[in-house]
N, C-alpha and C. Protein backbone atom coordinates (compact mmCIF):
# COMPACT_ATOMS: atom_id res chain seq x y z
N MET A 1 100.30 159.62 77.24
CA MET A 1 100.39 160.33 78.38
C MET A 1 98.83 161.01 78.74
N GLU A 2 98.26 161.22 78.04
CA GLU A 2 97.01 161.70 78.02
C GLU A 2 96.22 160.70 78.88
N GLU A 3 96.34 159.59 78.54
CA GLU A 3 95.73 158.17 79.16
C GLU A 3 96.21 158.10 80.17
N VAL A 4 97.24 158.08 80.63
CA VAL A 4 97.79 158.23 82.16
C VAL A 4 96.99 159.42 83.00
N GLU A 5 97.12 160.48 82.32
CA GLU A 5 96.53 161.55 82.98
C GLU A 5 94.97 161.29 83.45
N GLU A 6 94.25 160.77 82.35
CA GLU A 6 93.00 160.78 82.49
C GLU A 6 92.65 159.52 83.39
N LYS A 7 93.34 158.45 83.58
CA LYS A 7 92.90 157.28 84.52
C LYS A 7 93.61 158.23 85.69
N GLU A 8 94.54 158.64 85.87
CA GLU A 8 95.02 159.32 87.41
C GLU A 8 93.79 160.13 87.70
N VAL A 9 93.06 160.80 86.79
CA VAL A 9 92.06 161.98 87.59
C VAL A 9 90.68 161.00 87.90
N GLU A 10 90.73 159.74 87.26
CA GLU A 10 89.74 158.99 87.46
C GLU A 10 89.88 158.37 88.82
N LEU A 11 91.08 157.82 89.14
CA LEU A 11 91.57 157.29 90.62
C LEU A 11 91.21 158.28 91.72
N LEU A 12 91.47 159.68 91.22
CA LEU A 12 91.39 160.56 92.16
C LEU A 12 90.07 161.02 92.37
N ASP A 13 89.03 160.94 91.32
CA ASP A 13 87.74 161.05 91.70
C ASP A 13 87.39 159.84 92.58
N ASP A 14 87.56 158.59 92.27
CA ASP A 14 87.30 157.56 92.82
C ASP A 14 87.59 157.65 94.43
N ALA A 15 88.74 158.12 94.79
CA ALA A 15 89.26 158.09 96.04
C ALA A 15 88.49 159.21 96.65
N GLU A 16 88.04 160.31 95.93
CA GLU A 16 87.53 161.44 96.74
C GLU A 16 86.27 161.03 97.06
N ALA A 17 85.47 160.15 96.10
CA ALA A 17 84.10 159.62 96.45
C ALA A 17 83.98 158.79 97.63
N SER A 18 85.33 158.09 97.55
CA SER A 18 85.43 157.04 98.58
C SER A 18 85.28 157.66 99.79
N ASP A 19 86.17 158.53 99.94
CA ASP A 19 86.39 159.39 101.19
C ASP A 19 84.84 159.99 101.53
N ALA A 20 84.30 160.76 100.97
CA ALA A 20 83.19 161.22 101.10
C ALA A 20 82.09 160.26 101.43
N ALA A 21 82.12 158.85 101.01
CA ALA A 21 81.17 158.07 101.57
C ALA A 21 81.90 157.57 102.95
N GLU A 22 83.05 157.25 103.43
CA GLU A 22 83.55 156.97 104.53
C GLU A 22 83.14 158.02 105.40
N ASP A 23 83.30 159.38 105.30
CA ASP A 23 82.99 160.57 105.95
C ASP A 23 81.60 160.34 106.35
N GLU A 24 80.64 160.09 105.73
CA GLU A 24 79.17 159.98 106.07
C GLU A 24 78.78 158.93 106.78
N GLU A 25 79.63 157.72 106.44
CA GLU A 25 79.63 156.59 107.41
C GLU A 25 80.32 156.87 108.68
N ASP A 26 81.27 157.45 108.84
CA ASP A 26 81.64 157.81 110.15
C ASP A 26 80.86 158.77 110.90
N GLU A 27 80.28 159.59 110.30
CA GLU A 27 79.11 160.58 110.83
C GLU A 27 77.99 159.82 111.58
N GLU A 28 77.70 158.87 110.49
CA GLU A 28 76.51 157.97 111.15
C GLU A 28 76.61 157.34 112.41
N GLU A 29 77.78 156.41 112.35
CA GLU A 29 78.52 155.89 113.44
C GLU A 29 78.51 156.56 114.52
N ASP A 30 79.14 157.80 114.35
CA ASP A 30 79.25 158.68 115.73
C ASP A 30 77.90 158.96 116.47
N GLU A 31 76.89 159.00 115.66
CA GLU A 31 75.58 159.68 116.30
C GLU A 31 74.93 158.15 116.74
N ASP A 32 75.41 156.85 116.10
CA ASP A 32 74.71 156.13 116.79
C ASP A 32 75.36 155.46 117.93
N ASP A 33 76.48 155.64 117.90
CA ASP A 33 77.72 155.13 118.72
C ASP A 33 77.47 156.18 120.59
N GLU A 34 77.05 157.44 120.14
CA GLU A 34 77.06 158.31 121.37
C GLU A 34 76.07 157.59 122.48
N ASP A 35 75.12 157.31 122.10
CA ASP A 35 74.51 156.41 123.34
C ASP A 35 75.02 155.25 124.03
N LYS A 36 75.82 154.36 123.31
CA LYS A 36 76.41 153.62 123.41
C LYS A 36 77.49 153.64 124.61
N VAL A 37 78.18 154.73 124.04
CA VAL A 37 79.52 155.44 124.85
C VAL A 37 79.00 155.73 126.14
N VAL A 38 77.93 156.69 125.86
CA VAL A 38 77.29 157.07 127.33
C VAL A 38 76.79 155.88 128.31
N ALA A 39 76.23 154.98 127.61
CA ALA A 39 75.89 153.95 128.69
C ALA A 39 77.09 153.24 129.27
N VAL A 40 78.20 153.15 128.66
CA VAL A 40 79.18 152.42 129.16
C VAL A 40 79.90 153.49 130.23
N ALA A 41 80.07 154.43 129.88
CA ALA A 41 80.43 155.82 130.64
C ALA A 41 79.73 155.66 132.17
N ARG A 42 78.78 155.59 132.09
CA ARG A 42 77.72 155.43 133.23
C ARG A 42 78.16 154.68 134.31
N ASP A 43 78.90 153.39 133.70
CA ASP A 43 79.22 152.42 134.68
C ASP A 43 80.54 152.61 135.16
N GLU A 44 81.25 153.42 134.51
CA GLU A 44 82.45 154.01 135.18
C GLU A 44 82.32 154.99 136.10
N ASP A 45 81.26 155.36 136.64
CA ASP A 45 80.92 156.41 137.60
C ASP A 45 81.51 157.63 137.21
N HIS A 46 81.29 158.13 136.17
CA HIS A 46 81.76 159.36 135.58
C HIS A 46 80.31 160.26 134.94
N SER A 47 80.40 161.54 134.77
CA SER A 47 79.36 162.01 134.51
C SER A 47 78.97 161.84 132.98
N ASP A 48 77.67 161.33 132.68
CA ASP A 48 77.68 161.11 131.40
C ASP A 48 77.18 162.45 130.68
N ASP A 49 76.60 163.45 131.26
CA ASP A 49 76.50 164.77 130.93
C ASP A 49 78.02 165.47 130.13
N ALA A 50 78.77 165.10 130.65
CA ALA A 50 80.34 165.36 130.43
C ALA A 50 80.50 164.66 129.28
N ILE A 51 80.25 163.78 129.03
CA ILE A 51 80.64 162.80 127.82
C ILE A 51 79.71 163.33 126.69
N ARG A 52 78.55 163.45 126.99
CA ARG A 52 77.54 163.52 126.12
C ARG A 52 77.95 165.04 125.36
N LEU A 53 78.44 165.83 126.13
CA LEU A 53 78.52 167.47 125.82
C LEU A 53 79.77 167.29 125.14
N TYR A 54 80.68 166.59 125.53
CA TYR A 54 82.24 166.61 124.92
C TYR A 54 81.83 165.81 123.64
N LEU A 55 81.11 164.71 123.19
CA LEU A 55 80.65 164.27 121.98
C LEU A 55 79.99 165.16 121.14
N ARG A 56 79.26 166.26 121.54
CA ARG A 56 78.40 166.82 120.86
C ARG A 56 79.45 167.62 120.25
N GLU A 57 80.19 168.21 121.11
CA GLU A 57 81.14 169.43 120.97
C GLU A 57 82.00 168.90 119.73
N ILE A 58 82.44 167.76 119.72
CA ILE A 58 83.61 167.39 118.76
C ILE A 58 82.74 167.18 117.31
N GLN A 59 81.37 166.97 117.58
CA GLN A 59 81.04 166.60 116.47
C GLN A 59 80.48 167.92 115.37
N LYS A 60 80.89 169.32 116.05
CA LYS A 60 80.58 170.40 115.43
C LYS A 60 81.50 170.66 114.50
N THR A 61 82.91 170.13 114.67
CA THR A 61 83.94 170.24 113.69
C THR A 61 83.81 169.47 112.42
N SER A 62 83.89 169.79 111.41
CA SER A 62 83.71 168.88 110.12
C SER A 62 84.93 168.27 110.05
N LEU A 63 84.86 167.15 109.19
CA LEU A 63 85.94 166.20 108.92
C LEU A 63 86.81 167.05 107.91
N LEU A 64 88.01 166.57 107.55
CA LEU A 64 88.73 167.40 106.66
C LEU A 64 89.08 166.35 105.59
N THR A 65 89.07 166.82 104.21
CA THR A 65 89.16 166.19 102.95
C THR A 65 90.82 166.05 103.14
N ALA A 66 91.33 164.70 102.05
CA ALA A 66 92.43 165.01 102.15
C ALA A 66 93.34 165.89 101.44
N GLU A 67 92.77 166.87 100.54
CA GLU A 67 93.72 167.96 100.32
C GLU A 67 93.79 169.14 101.46
N GLN A 68 92.79 169.44 102.02
CA GLN A 68 92.40 169.93 103.17
C GLN A 68 93.46 169.57 104.51
N GLU A 69 93.86 168.39 104.54
CA GLU A 69 94.89 167.92 105.50
C GLU A 69 96.26 168.23 104.91
N ARG A 70 96.38 168.19 103.57
CA ARG A 70 97.71 168.42 103.05
C ARG A 70 97.81 170.08 103.26
N ALA A 71 97.11 170.56 102.77
CA ALA A 71 97.00 172.54 103.11
C ALA A 71 97.05 172.61 104.47
N LEU A 72 96.74 172.24 105.46
CA LEU A 72 97.09 172.32 106.67
C LEU A 72 98.13 172.07 107.30
N ALA A 73 98.70 170.82 106.76
CA ALA A 73 100.40 170.07 107.11
C ALA A 73 100.97 171.60 106.57
N ARG A 74 100.95 171.96 105.46
CA ARG A 74 101.65 172.83 105.17
C ARG A 74 101.81 173.96 105.93
N ARG A 75 100.68 174.44 106.11
CA ARG A 75 100.71 175.46 106.99
C ARG A 75 100.99 175.40 108.45
N ILE A 76 101.05 174.23 109.08
CA ILE A 76 101.48 173.88 110.36
C ILE A 76 103.21 174.04 109.94
N GLU A 77 103.71 173.35 109.07
CA GLU A 77 105.12 173.48 108.68
C GLU A 77 105.70 174.74 109.00
N LEU A 78 104.81 175.70 108.47
CA LEU A 78 105.38 177.33 108.47
C LEU A 78 104.99 177.96 109.74
N GLY A 79 104.65 177.16 110.67
CA GLY A 79 104.38 177.55 112.18
C GLY A 79 103.08 178.24 112.40
N ASP A 80 101.99 177.85 111.68
CA ASP A 80 100.58 178.62 111.78
C ASP A 80 99.83 177.58 113.07
N GLY A 81 99.77 178.19 114.15
CA GLY A 81 99.14 177.79 115.18
C GLY A 81 97.80 177.36 114.95
N ALA A 82 96.95 178.30 114.31
CA ALA A 82 95.55 178.14 113.99
C ALA A 82 95.46 176.86 113.36
N ALA A 83 96.33 176.48 112.30
CA ALA A 83 96.28 175.36 111.51
C ALA A 83 96.38 174.00 112.22
N ARG A 84 97.42 174.56 113.46
CA ARG A 84 97.58 173.33 114.02
C ARG A 84 96.36 173.11 115.09
N ASN A 85 95.63 174.02 115.73
CA ASN A 85 94.59 173.52 116.25
C ASN A 85 93.58 172.85 115.47
N LEU A 86 93.37 173.67 114.19
CA LEU A 86 92.26 173.04 113.27
C LEU A 86 92.47 171.51 113.05
N MET A 87 93.51 171.08 112.59
CA MET A 87 93.94 169.80 112.43
C MET A 87 93.61 168.89 113.64
N ILE A 88 94.05 169.23 114.69
CA ILE A 88 93.58 168.45 116.04
C ILE A 88 92.32 168.59 115.97
N GLU A 89 91.60 169.64 116.24
CA GLU A 89 89.85 169.41 116.50
C GLU A 89 89.50 168.65 115.31
N SER A 90 89.86 168.60 114.31
CA SER A 90 89.29 167.94 113.19
C SER A 90 89.69 166.16 113.38
N ASN A 91 90.02 166.08 114.02
CA ASN A 91 90.64 164.52 114.45
C ASN A 91 90.47 164.32 115.51
N LEU A 92 89.60 164.66 116.50
CA LEU A 92 89.04 164.29 117.92
C LEU A 92 88.33 163.39 117.59
N ARG A 93 87.09 163.16 116.82
CA ARG A 93 86.48 161.78 116.42
C ARG A 93 86.93 160.77 116.16
N LEU A 94 88.12 160.78 115.71
CA LEU A 94 89.18 159.77 115.29
C LEU A 94 89.52 159.09 116.68
N VAL A 95 89.86 160.07 117.69
CA VAL A 95 90.50 159.55 119.12
C VAL A 95 89.40 158.79 119.65
N VAL A 96 87.95 159.47 119.92
CA VAL A 96 87.30 158.77 120.50
C VAL A 96 86.63 157.53 119.53
N LYS A 97 86.77 157.40 118.45
CA LYS A 97 86.36 155.87 117.76
C LYS A 97 87.53 155.02 118.19
N ILE A 98 88.80 155.34 118.18
CA ILE A 98 89.89 154.52 118.71
C ILE A 98 89.80 153.91 119.94
N ALA A 99 89.17 155.18 120.76
CA ALA A 99 89.12 154.83 122.38
C ALA A 99 88.22 153.79 122.30
N LYS A 100 86.95 153.75 122.14
CA LYS A 100 85.79 152.97 121.96
C LYS A 100 86.23 151.56 121.69
N ARG A 101 87.30 151.21 121.20
CA ARG A 101 87.89 149.89 120.63
C ARG A 101 88.33 149.45 122.23
N TYR A 102 88.96 149.80 122.86
CA TYR A 102 89.35 149.83 124.22
C TYR A 102 88.75 150.04 125.46
N MET A 103 87.42 150.29 125.17
CA MET A 103 86.30 149.97 126.57
C MET A 103 86.70 148.90 127.22
N ASN A 104 86.28 148.84 128.39
CA ASN A 104 85.92 147.82 129.45
C ASN A 104 87.43 146.87 129.03
N ARG A 105 88.67 147.50 129.29
CA ARG A 105 89.77 146.90 129.35
C ARG A 105 90.74 147.42 130.63
N GLY A 106 89.59 148.04 131.77
CA GLY A 106 90.22 148.59 133.16
C GLY A 106 90.41 149.70 133.05
N LEU A 107 90.35 150.60 131.69
CA LEU A 107 90.85 152.02 132.00
C LEU A 107 89.40 152.95 131.68
N PRO A 108 88.95 153.74 132.58
CA PRO A 108 87.97 154.60 132.01
C PRO A 108 88.12 155.03 130.90
N PHE A 109 86.67 155.40 130.08
CA PHE A 109 86.73 155.77 128.91
C PHE A 109 87.17 157.22 128.78
N LEU A 110 86.99 158.24 129.76
CA LEU A 110 87.71 159.59 129.46
C LEU A 110 89.15 159.58 129.61
N ASP A 111 89.65 158.35 130.50
CA ASP A 111 91.40 158.57 130.46
C ASP A 111 91.87 157.98 129.04
N LEU A 112 90.85 157.23 128.45
CA LEU A 112 91.17 156.84 127.18
C LEU A 112 91.18 157.93 126.39
N ILE A 113 90.42 158.68 126.15
CA ILE A 113 90.18 159.73 125.06
C ILE A 113 91.24 160.82 125.81
N GLU A 114 91.42 160.98 127.05
CA GLU A 114 92.32 161.77 127.20
C GLU A 114 93.91 161.39 126.67
N GLU A 115 94.48 160.27 126.69
CA GLU A 115 95.45 159.73 126.64
C GLU A 115 95.43 159.65 124.78
N GLY A 116 94.62 159.56 124.15
CA GLY A 116 94.27 159.57 122.70
C GLY A 116 94.33 161.07 122.33
N ASN A 117 93.96 161.93 123.06
CA ASN A 117 94.56 163.33 122.67
C ASN A 117 95.69 163.63 122.60
N LEU A 118 96.38 163.46 123.90
CA LEU A 118 97.71 163.72 123.88
C LEU A 118 98.61 163.09 122.47
N GLY A 119 98.20 162.06 122.40
CA GLY A 119 98.61 161.21 121.11
C GLY A 119 98.61 162.36 119.88
N LEU A 120 97.14 162.37 119.81
CA LEU A 120 96.98 163.46 118.50
C LEU A 120 97.67 164.27 118.52
N ILE A 121 97.93 165.10 119.42
CA ILE A 121 98.83 166.35 119.48
C ILE A 121 100.26 166.41 119.18
N LYS A 122 100.73 165.32 119.91
CA LYS A 122 102.33 164.83 119.49
C LYS A 122 102.38 164.37 118.04
N ALA A 123 101.17 163.66 117.56
CA ALA A 123 101.36 163.35 116.36
C ALA A 123 101.16 164.66 115.27
N VAL A 124 100.54 165.37 115.47
CA VAL A 124 100.50 166.90 114.59
C VAL A 124 101.61 167.59 114.64
N GLU A 125 102.23 167.31 115.88
CA GLU A 125 103.44 168.44 116.02
C GLU A 125 104.55 167.70 115.21
N ARG A 126 104.41 166.50 115.21
CA ARG A 126 105.57 165.48 114.38
C ARG A 126 105.24 165.34 112.74
N PHE A 127 103.78 165.76 112.50
CA PHE A 127 103.56 165.56 111.19
C PHE A 127 103.97 166.64 110.38
C-alpha cells in the first residue's frame, strides 16, 4: 500500500511540475504573440490600442493551479460570485489563445474573443 501511495505522490509531483512548466511556456507565448495579434487586428480596422490594453490587462491575472481550480469550483457550487469571477478572469488568456487559431477566417479578432468569453462564462456556470 505504501508503494502505491509513494508512486501516486510521485505522479502528482510530476503532474504539478508539468503544469508549472506549461504555465511558464504559456506566459512566454502570450508575450510573444501579443505583437502578432495586434498586427493582425490592425488589418481588421480595429483599434490596436484596445487590443493591446485588453491583452495586458488579462496578463495581470495569474494562472490557476489544478488545486486552485478545484477549490474555486467548490466555492462556485456554493454560490460564491467572487470565485466565479476569479475563475473566469483566470481563463481569459485561454480564450485569446483559442481565438488566435481562428483568425483570418472571416471574423474580426475582437468578435472571436467576445464569443469565446461568452462561452467561458457559460462553461463556468455549468462547471
